[in-house]
Amino acid sequence: MDTALKNRITSIDFLRGTIMIIMALDHVRDYLYQGSFFYDPLDLTQTSGILFFTRWITHFCAPIFMLLAGTSAFLTGQRKTKKELSAFLVKRGLWLIFLELVVVNFGWNFNITFPMFFFVTIWALGAGMIILAALIHLPKKYILLICLLFIAGHNLLDGVHVEGNTMEGFGWSLLHDQRFFTWQGKSFLVGYPIVPLMAIMPLGYCLGEWYRKGYNAVTRQKNLMLLGSGCLLLFVLLRFINVYGDPVPWTTQSNSFYTFLSFLKVNKYPPSLLYLLLTLGAAFLFLGLTEKSKGAIVRIVSVYGRVPMFYYLIHIYIIHLLAIITSAFIPGQDWQVWILEKPIWFSPNLKGYGFSLPIAYLIWIGIVAGLYPLCKWYDRYKQTHKEKWWLSYL
């Protein structure tokens, strides 16, 4: 086995790979499931159980990705000075914001005029890195305190809004209010405000202490299990009380199953306290439970986890291209509707496109499997060309 791979922490790669695979399901559903253009899959008045969970399971992806990015930053920092790590995080953060606004946005829209700009996952990741670059110079106990204050307290801001299509409104939206803006024919969607996501990456950085070389693996596993269990128990307690932690309380539905779905339906934009307790709690448990996991599945899934940005960029283009190709061969459909002028969810001309949910699942499996050889090649290339500085940016 390659020495670099031997020194990597398998459970982190395995978790990251798992969420990258799940993430692709959400994007396939967006572009290739026919129901995506009619209603929100989390709308309890219209959804089914399988469709609800198809969307809901992907809620775990963004916060866990950011958490692990912080842990990776800590591990990278073991080979750098704080000044070097800080400079690297700023440069990579700016690079990721550029990728979001140019490469990723074009992948979503395939429109060279760039009618839309989405501030979503990669933007938040880049902004988080820039903030982390400043925070790493503080003692870790203060970093942790800041993280907990933002995560636990940010829902106090749920009632604060800056109305209007203004720069002030846009600025507040970037901080804590998902909004849609239009200026001079261009659309701007702030999907991921940086509060509280800005606290997730530093939290992952603090988590990195448990992965420091020489740290007892049994103690780490015990800590992760206790932390994960505590987060989930707190989630259940706060959600049951229904007073604080999410802007939308759960309600009694037409039957017990849909009431359960209402209980699980926590706010993602911006991520509420309950959303983060649920998703990060599950991440801590996963890391604890897979501490010593081995086998073919772990090896295969971990490949995706070692090349997450490479996989992310490519899979968006492949999914969008598949939507175009399938429309080109289906009678009565026009592939040109996929050169998007509006966000895909607001495009009425897409109604009637796409496939059934089982077919969408098969397409998802096919895309993930098809990307494996390419991801494995790139992973091997990264491991054997560590002298190439630019590889750390992709």
Foldseek 3Di string as FASTA:
>chain_A
DFPVVVPDQLLLLLVLLVLLLLLLLQLLCLQFAQCLQPDDCLPLVDHDPVSLCSVLVNLLRQLSVLLSLLLVLLVVCVVDPLLVSLVVLLVLLVVLLVCQQPLVQCLQFVAPVQQEHECDRSNLSSVLSNLVSVVVVDPLVVLVVVLCCQLQPVQVCVPPADDDQDPVRVVVLLAANFDWHDDPSHIYTYQERNGPSSSSSSNSNSLNVCVPPPRDLVVLLVVLLVLLVVLVVVLVVCLVVQDDFAPDHQDDDPDPVSSVSSSSDGDVRPHTSSSCSNSVSVSSNSSSVCSPDDDDSSVQSSLCSLQVVVSVSVSSNVSLVVSLVVQVPDPPGHSVPSNDNDRSNPRNVCNVGHDHSVVSVVVSVVSSVVCRVVSNVLSVVCSVPVVPVCNVSD
